[in-house]
């Protein structure tokens, strides 16, 4: 099956040009001309996103921030901006690369292929953790308990990945927030408490085991089950 690419640009002529070109290269292409539509179409799990920054209403940086709560796929910004501060802002928001308009289709294709190859290499290195009925596949970002898949959002899985990678180590809310969203992201670290509550509820639906322990006054840790962990 060919890779799926989401093209987001309010200039419909540019979006169509890129779509036609990529379809000739045997890619599946989704199109969106505004931020709200882009976020809805991102729910179809594209393998890569081409995202214009200068859009009316919700701009590309805002769209990128919202999509990053859903997906880990590469995001390449399309922009006429060439200021260093704009590039830094885009990368900090969650973007992976920049293409400056007017777009060279050959360069665009080369960048797309490079990012998709990198993602495939990452996926090939599958890493698992088995923990008392629970199987965490870090590469595919899937969790199974008693052979039943537990669906997690991106942020929920990120917390599980962090805590389970360091079993027995306590992380406070601030540490978890910074590791997941970075120092540049502004927000309330109380969201960590809510996300952990959701994770626990999902795990309780399939297991009686408590995998995440609250260390009162300190934070949270992934519980150790035996001396060999």
Protein backbone atom coordinates (compact mmCIF):
# COMPACT_ATOMS: atom_id res chain seq x y z
CA UNK A 1 0.00 0.00 0.00
CA UNK A 2 1.35 3.44 -0.92
CA UNK A 3 2.13 6.06 1.69
CA UNK A 4 -0.54 8.62 2.51
CA UNK A 5 0.30 12.33 2.44
CA UNK A 6 -1.85 15.20 3.69
CA UNK A 7 -1.34 18.46 1.76
CA UNK A 8 -2.54 21.59 3.58
CA UNK A 9 -2.48 24.92 1.74
CA UNK A 10 -5.10 27.65 1.40
CA UNK A 11 -3.86 28.30 -2.16
CA UNK A 12 -5.91 25.68 -4.01
CA UNK A 13 -3.77 25.93 -7.15
CA UNK A 14 -0.61 25.07 -5.23
CA UNK A 15 -2.39 22.30 -3.31
CA UNK A 16 -3.69 20.79 -6.57
CA UNK A 17 -0.29 21.04 -8.26
CA UNK A 18 1.36 19.17 -5.38
CA UNK A 19 -1.48 16.65 -5.17
CA UNK A 20 -1.32 15.85 -8.91
CA UNK A 21 2.46 15.52 -8.78
CA UNK A 22 2.46 13.20 -5.76
CA UNK A 23 -0.31 11.04 -7.18
CA UNK A 24 1.82 10.58 -10.32
CA UNK A 25 4.51 9.33 -7.93
CA UNK A 26 2.00 6.75 -6.62
CA UNK A 27 1.24 8.38 -3.27
CA UNK A 28 -2.23 8.60 -1.74
CA UNK A 29 -3.01 12.28 -1.23
CA UNK A 30 -5.47 14.04 1.07
CA UNK A 31 -6.06 17.79 0.64
CA UNK A 32 -7.15 20.52 3.04
CA UNK A 33 -7.40 24.27 2.47
CA UNK A 34 -7.79 25.47 6.07
CA UNK A 35 -6.67 24.51 9.55
CA UNK A 36 -9.90 23.01 10.83
CA UNK A 37 -10.21 20.69 7.83
CA UNK A 38 -6.55 19.73 8.17
CA UNK A 39 -7.06 18.61 11.77
CA UNK A 40 -10.10 16.52 10.79
CA UNK A 41 -8.25 14.87 7.92
CA UNK A 42 -5.26 14.19 10.16
CA UNK A 43 -7.53 11.67 11.90
CA UNK A 44 -7.04 9.48 8.81
CA UNK A 45 -3.44 8.91 9.99
CA UNK A 46 -1.32 10.23 7.12
CA UNK A 47 2.29 9.07 6.90
CA UNK A 48 3.51 12.63 6.27
CA UNK A 49 2.00 16.13 6.27
CA UNK A 50 2.88 19.10 4.04
CA UNK A 51 1.67 22.16 5.92
CA UNK A 52 1.51 25.77 4.75
CA UNK A 53 2.25 28.27 7.52
CA UNK A 54 0.57 31.39 6.13
CA UNK A 55 -3.10 30.49 6.23
CA UNK A 56 -5.99 32.73 7.29
CA UNK A 57 -7.72 31.90 10.55
CA UNK A 58 -5.77 29.08 12.15
CA UNK A 59 -2.23 29.30 10.79
CA UNK A 60 0.11 26.40 10.16
CA UNK A 61 1.94 26.71 13.47
CA UNK A 62 -1.32 26.40 15.39
CA UNK A 63 -2.40 23.47 13.23
CA UNK A 64 0.94 21.74 13.81
CA UNK A 65 0.60 22.11 17.57
CA UNK A 66 -2.85 20.53 17.57
CA UNK A 67 -1.86 17.71 15.20
CA UNK A 68 1.16 16.88 17.35
CA UNK A 69 -1.26 15.84 20.11
CA UNK A 70 -2.60 13.22 17.68
CA UNK A 71 0.24 12.09 15.42
CA UNK A 72 3.99 11.54 15.30
CA UNK A 73 4.33 11.54 11.51
CA UNK A 74 6.81 13.94 9.82
CA UNK A 75 5.50 17.46 9.18
CA UNK A 76 7.15 19.55 6.47
CA UNK A 77 6.28 23.24 6.46
CA UNK A 78 5.64 25.03 3.17
CA UNK A 79 6.31 28.73 3.59
CA UNK A 80 7.38 31.94 1.93
CA UNK A 81 8.98 33.00 5.21
CA UNK A 82 12.75 32.67 5.40
CA UNK A 83 13.47 34.43 8.70
CA UNK A 84 15.46 32.31 11.16
CA UNK A 85 13.00 33.06 13.96
CA UNK A 86 10.16 31.66 11.84
CA UNK A 87 12.07 28.43 11.22
CA UNK A 88 12.84 28.09 14.91
CA UNK A 89 9.19 28.71 15.83
CA UNK A 90 8.07 26.04 13.37
CA UNK A 91 10.54 23.44 14.59
CA UNK A 92 9.67 24.11 18.22
CA UNK A 93 5.99 23.72 17.43
CA UNK A 94 6.65 20.19 16.19
CA UNK A 95 7.64 20.55 12.55
CA UNK A 96 10.43 18.43 11.10
CA UNK A 97 11.51 20.32 7.99
CA UNK A 98 11.00 23.41 5.82
CA UNK A 99 10.46 23.96 2.10
CA UNK A 100 10.50 27.58 0.96
CA UNK A 101 8.03 28.68 -1.71
CA UNK A 102 8.02 28.69 -4.68
CA UNK A 103 8.23 24.94 -4.29
CA UNK A 104 10.66 22.84 -6.33
CA UNK A 105 8.72 19.61 -6.88
CA UNK A 106 11.93 17.59 -7.30
CA UNK A 107 13.31 18.89 -4.00
CA UNK A 108 9.94 18.36 -2.32
CA UNK A 109 9.86 14.75 -3.49
CA UNK A 110 13.41 14.16 -2.26
CA UNK A 111 12.57 15.57 1.18
CA UNK A 112 9.40 13.47 1.39
CA UNK A 113 11.26 10.30 0.44
CA UNK A 114 14.01 11.01 2.97
CA UNK A 115 11.57 11.52 5.83
CA UNK A 116 9.52 8.44 4.94
CA UNK A 117 12.68 6.30 4.74
CA UNK A 118 13.69 7.54 8.17
CA UNK A 119 10.26 6.64 9.57
CA UNK A 120 10.45 3.16 8.06
CA UNK A 121 13.87 2.58 9.62
CA UNK A 122 12.47 3.63 12.99
CA UNK A 123 9.51 1.27 12.58
CA UNK A 124 11.81 -1.61 11.65
CA UNK A 125 13.50 -1.35 15.05
CA UNK A 126 10.57 -2.64 17.07
CA UNK A 127 11.03 -2.44 20.84
CA UNK A 128 8.71 -4.13 23.29
CA UNK A 129 8.13 -4.18 27.01
CA UNK A 130 6.25 -7.06 28.63
CA UNK A 131 4.87 -6.34 32.09
CA UNK A 132 2.42 -8.71 33.83
CA UNK A 133 -0.06 -9.18 30.99
CA UNK A 134 0.77 -5.82 29.42
CA UNK A 135 2.69 -5.54 26.14
CA UNK A 136 3.94 -2.10 25.04
CA UNK A 137 5.16 -1.85 21.46
CA UNK A 138 7.13 1.39 21.48
CA UNK A 139 7.76 1.37 17.73
CA UNK A 140 4.17 1.03 16.59
CA UNK A 141 2.93 2.91 19.68
CA UNK A 142 0.44 0.18 20.54
CA UNK A 143 -0.49 -1.32 23.90
CA UNK A 144 -2.02 -4.74 24.46
CA UNK A 145 -3.31 -6.31 27.65
CA UNK A 146 -4.39 -9.95 27.68
CA UNK A 147 -4.28 -9.86 23.85
CA UNK A 148 -6.67 -6.89 23.75
CA UNK A 149 -5.48 -3.59 22.28
CA UNK A 150 -5.90 -0.51 24.47
CA UNK A 151 -6.28 2.66 22.42
CA UNK A 152 -4.35 5.63 23.75
CA UNK A 153 -4.02 9.19 22.50
CA UNK A 154 -0.57 10.45 21.56
CA UNK A 155 -0.13 12.29 24.87
CA UNK A 156 -1.35 9.29 26.89
CA UNK A 157 1.08 6.96 25.13
CA UNK A 158 3.93 9.47 25.59
CA UNK A 159 3.39 9.38 29.35
CA UNK A 160 3.28 5.58 29.40
CA UNK A 161 6.45 5.43 27.30
CA UNK A 162 8.28 7.80 29.64
CA UNK A 163 7.25 6.13 32.91
CA UNK A 164 7.60 2.54 31.69
CA UNK A 165 11.07 3.24 30.28
CA UNK A 166 12.25 4.07 33.81
CA UNK A 167 10.35 1.65 36.09
CA UNK A 168 10.58 2.59 39.74
CA UNK A 169 11.77 6.13 39.05
CA UNK A 170 9.50 8.93 40.25
CA UNK A 171 8.70 11.87 37.96
CA UNK A 172 6.85 14.92 39.22
CA UNK A 173 4.22 16.69 37.08
CA UNK A 174 6.62 19.39 35.98
CA UNK A 175 9.22 16.86 34.81
CA UNK A 176 6.62 14.89 32.85
CA UNK A 177 5.22 18.05 31.26
CA UNK A 178 8.67 19.31 30.22
CA UNK A 179 9.79 15.93 28.83
CA UNK A 180 6.63 15.58 26.75
CA UNK A 181 6.01 19.13 25.60
CA UNK A 182 9.27 20.97 26.21
CA UNK A 183 10.15 24.13 28.07
CA UNK A 184 8.87 26.32 25.22
CA UNK A 185 5.32 24.99 25.40
CA UNK A 186 3.16 27.14 27.65
CA UNK A 187 0.37 25.48 29.57
CA UNK A 188 -0.79 24.07 32.86
CA UNK A 189 1.08 20.99 34.04
CA UNK A 190 -2.13 19.88 35.79
CA UNK A 191 -3.01 18.31 32.44
CA UNK A 192 -0.58 15.54 33.43
CA UNK A 193 -2.88 14.56 36.32
CA UNK A 194 -5.86 14.37 34.00
CA UNK A 195 -3.97 12.32 31.40
CA UNK A 196 -2.81 9.83 34.03
CA UNK A 197 -6.39 9.53 35.29
CA UNK A 198 -7.50 8.64 31.76
CA UNK A 199 -4.67 6.13 31.34
CA UNK A 200 -5.59 4.40 34.60
CA UNK A 201 -9.25 4.19 33.64
CA UNK A 202 -8.38 2.58 30.30
CA UNK A 203 -6.04 0.07 31.94
CA UNK A 204 -8.63 -0.76 34.64
CA UNK A 205 -11.06 -1.79 31.91
CA UNK A 206 -8.80 -4.71 30.99
CA UNK A 207 -6.66 -5.39 34.07
CA UNK A 208 -6.89 -5.28 37.86
CA UNK A 209 -3.19 -4.38 38.08
CA UNK A 210 -2.06 -0.84 38.93
CA UNK A 211 0.75 -0.01 36.53
CA UNK A 212 1.18 3.66 37.49
CA UNK A 213 1.68 4.43 41.16
CA UNK A 214 1.13 7.83 42.78
CA UNK A 215 4.02 8.82 45.06
CA UNK A 216 2.19 11.28 47.28
CA UNK A 217 3.78 14.71 47.33
CA UNK A 218 6.33 13.66 44.72
CA UNK A 219 4.73 12.48 41.48
CA UNK A 220 4.22 9.23 39.60
CA UNK A 221 6.19 6.10 38.78
CA UNK A 222 5.81 2.86 36.83
CA UNK A 223 5.47 0.12 39.40
CA UNK A 224 8.06 -2.60 39.74
CA UNK A 225 6.64 -6.12 39.80
CA UNK A 226 9.65 -8.21 40.64
CA UNK A 227 13.28 -7.85 41.66
CA UNK A 228 14.55 -8.56 38.14
CA UNK A 229 12.95 -5.44 36.61
